[in-house]
Amino acid sequence: METKELLNKMRKFCAYQERAPFDVKKKLWTLQLPDNVINEIIENLKKEDFLNEERFVEQFVRGKLNQKSWGKVKIAEHLRQKEIAEKMIRKALENVDSEIYFEKLDECAQKWLRLKGDSEKDFHKLHSHLLSKGFENELIIEKLQELKK
């Protein structure tokens, strides 16, 4: 496949939804292309604004928080897997509205309690559930103390 053809294919790939440069690299690796061709395509996509890491990170954080109710720990870990710079991850997570974040934590806890119960044993399971969703331990403990009252 020609570079021009690949570039068009990757434009469509990036236009469909926001992508991290890592996602594009991964897609191009499956075609067993040399690194210089992959880098050239990625640079072109960045120049044409089909690929924008900051925009991807903002959308990823917003989407995972609002749609999947993930906490900051899980979001950060998934961004690291996509080779996003720590500085960019920190910046995006600092921009999360703390009021909305606490509401998501509360929603997750309330939903879990409606489904599973609220005995002391259940609170330990809820703690584990909220940790697996990626919320910070200190916030979870604070929320559990609030719910026990």
Protein backbone atom coordinates (compact mmCIF):
# COMPACT_ATOMS: atom_id res chain seq x y z
CA MET A 1 0.00 0.00 0.00
CA GLU A 2 1.28 3.47 -0.89
CA THR A 3 2.03 6.08 1.76
CA LYS A 4 -0.65 8.40 0.34
CA GLU A 5 -3.21 5.62 0.50
CA LEU A 6 -2.19 4.76 4.07
CA LEU A 7 -2.42 8.41 5.07
CA ASN A 8 -5.98 8.61 3.74
CA LYS A 9 -6.89 5.43 5.57
CA MET A 10 -5.45 6.82 8.81
CA ARG A 11 -7.27 10.14 8.30
CA LYS A 12 -10.55 8.20 8.24
CA PHE A 13 -9.43 6.18 11.27
CA CYS A 14 -8.74 9.39 13.21
CA ALA A 15 -11.83 11.22 11.95
CA TYR A 16 -14.13 8.47 13.22
CA GLN A 17 -13.11 9.13 16.84
CA GLU A 18 -10.28 10.77 18.77
CA ARG A 19 -7.16 8.62 18.79
CA ALA A 20 -3.89 8.63 20.66
CA PRO A 21 -0.74 8.51 18.52
CA PHE A 22 -0.15 5.10 20.11
CA ASP A 23 -3.46 3.82 18.61
CA VAL A 24 -2.36 4.91 15.15
CA LYS A 25 1.10 3.35 15.60
CA LYS A 26 -0.48 0.10 16.73
CA LYS A 27 -2.75 0.06 13.69
CA LEU A 28 0.19 0.73 11.36
CA TRP A 29 2.39 -1.88 13.08
CA THR A 30 -0.15 -4.53 12.11
CA LEU A 31 0.70 -3.68 8.49
CA GLN A 32 4.39 -4.32 9.28
CA LEU A 33 5.52 -0.93 8.03
CA PRO A 34 8.97 0.48 8.69
CA ASP A 35 9.26 2.97 11.56
CA ASN A 36 10.15 5.87 9.28
CA VAL A 37 6.90 5.44 7.30
CA ILE A 38 4.86 5.17 10.51
CA ASN A 39 6.48 8.32 11.92
CA GLU A 40 5.92 10.20 8.66
CA ILE A 41 2.22 9.31 8.64
CA ILE A 42 1.82 10.29 12.30
CA GLU A 43 3.56 13.63 11.74
CA ASN A 44 1.28 14.37 8.77
CA LEU A 45 -1.80 13.51 10.83
CA LYS A 46 -0.61 15.85 13.59
CA LYS A 47 0.08 18.69 11.13
CA GLU A 48 -3.41 18.27 9.63
CA ASP A 49 -4.92 18.12 13.15
CA PHE A 50 -6.39 14.65 12.65
CA LEU A 51 -4.24 13.60 15.59
CA ASN A 52 -4.14 15.84 18.64
CA GLU A 53 -2.92 14.29 21.88
CA GLU A 54 -4.32 17.01 24.16
CA ARG A 55 -7.75 16.79 22.56
CA PHE A 56 -7.64 12.99 22.84
CA VAL A 57 -6.73 13.13 26.55
CA GLU A 58 -9.49 15.63 27.37
CA GLN A 59 -12.07 13.55 25.52
CA PHE A 60 -10.81 10.30 27.07
CA VAL A 61 -10.98 11.68 30.62
CA ARG A 62 -14.44 13.19 30.10
CA GLY A 63 -15.76 10.03 28.43
CA LYS A 64 -14.45 7.54 30.97
CA LEU A 65 -15.63 9.66 33.90
CA ASN A 66 -19.10 10.38 32.52
CA GLN A 67 -19.86 7.17 30.65
CA LYS A 68 -18.04 4.49 32.63
CA SER A 69 -17.78 6.26 36.00
CA TRP A 70 -14.07 5.58 36.25
CA GLY A 71 -11.97 7.24 38.90
CA LYS A 72 -8.79 9.19 38.27
CA VAL A 73 -6.48 6.27 39.13
CA LYS A 74 -7.98 3.99 36.47
CA ILE A 75 -8.16 6.77 33.88
CA ALA A 76 -4.49 7.66 34.46
CA GLU A 77 -3.42 4.04 34.17
CA HIS A 78 -5.21 3.59 30.85
CA LEU A 79 -3.67 6.81 29.51
CA ARG A 80 -0.21 5.55 30.52
CA GLN A 81 -0.89 2.38 28.55
CA LYS A 82 -1.46 4.63 25.53
CA GLU A 83 1.96 6.22 26.18
CA ILE A 84 0.56 9.63 27.13
CA ALA A 85 3.05 11.88 28.98
CA GLU A 86 2.63 12.11 32.77
CA LYS A 87 2.50 15.90 32.62
CA MET A 88 -0.44 15.79 30.21
CA ILE A 89 -2.25 13.17 32.33
CA ARG A 90 -1.80 15.25 35.49
CA LYS A 91 -3.02 18.40 33.77
CA ALA A 92 -6.15 16.69 32.42
CA LEU A 93 -6.99 15.12 35.79
CA GLU A 94 -6.48 18.43 37.60
CA ASN A 95 -9.08 19.96 35.28
CA VAL A 96 -11.76 17.49 36.39
CA ASP A 97 -14.48 19.34 38.30
CA SER A 98 -14.23 18.03 41.87
CA GLU A 99 -17.96 18.42 42.46
CA ILE A 100 -18.78 16.24 39.44
CA TYR A 101 -16.09 13.76 40.48
CA PHE A 102 -17.56 13.36 43.98
CA GLU A 103 -21.04 12.98 42.45
CA LYS A 104 -19.73 10.11 40.30
CA LEU A 105 -18.20 8.45 43.35
CA ASP A 106 -21.49 8.84 45.21
CA GLU A 107 -23.52 7.52 42.25
CA CYS A 108 -21.29 4.44 42.02
CA ALA A 109 -21.56 3.78 45.76
CA GLN A 110 -25.34 4.32 45.89
CA LYS A 111 -25.96 2.11 42.85
CA TRP A 112 -23.79 -0.66 44.29
CA LEU A 113 -25.56 -0.49 47.67
CA ARG A 114 -29.01 -0.66 46.01
CA LEU A 115 -27.95 -3.82 44.22
CA LYS A 116 -25.88 -5.56 46.89
CA GLY A 117 -26.93 -4.44 50.36
CA ASP A 118 -25.48 -2.40 53.19
CA SER A 119 -24.18 -4.72 55.90
CA GLU A 120 -20.67 -4.26 57.31
CA LYS A 121 -19.43 -7.08 55.05
CA ASP A 122 -21.00 -5.31 52.07
CA PHE A 123 -19.12 -2.11 52.89
CA HIS A 124 -15.83 -4.02 52.52
CA LYS A 125 -16.98 -5.27 49.14
CA LEU A 126 -18.10 -1.77 48.17
CA HIS A 127 -14.64 -0.48 49.11
CA SER A 128 -13.07 -3.05 46.77
CA HIS A 129 -15.57 -2.21 44.02
CA LEU A 130 -14.82 1.51 44.21
CA LEU A 131 -11.07 0.81 44.19
CA SER A 132 -11.51 -1.28 41.04
CA LYS A 133 -13.38 1.64 39.45
CA GLY A 134 -10.25 3.72 40.04
CA PHE A 135 -11.29 6.04 42.85
CA GLU A 136 -8.71 7.13 45.40
CA ASN A 137 -8.62 5.19 48.68
CA GLU A 138 -8.90 8.33 50.87
CA LEU A 139 -12.07 9.45 49.04
CA ILE A 140 -13.58 5.97 49.29
CA ILE A 141 -12.98 5.80 53.04
CA GLU A 142 -14.50 9.25 53.44
CA LYS A 143 -17.55 8.20 51.38
CA LEU A 144 -18.00 4.94 53.34
CA GLN A 145 -17.91 6.81 56.66
CA GLU A 146 -20.51 9.21 55.31
CA LEU A 147 -22.74 6.33 54.15
CA LYS A 148 -22.50 4.48 57.46
CA LYS A 149 -24.01 7.45 59.33
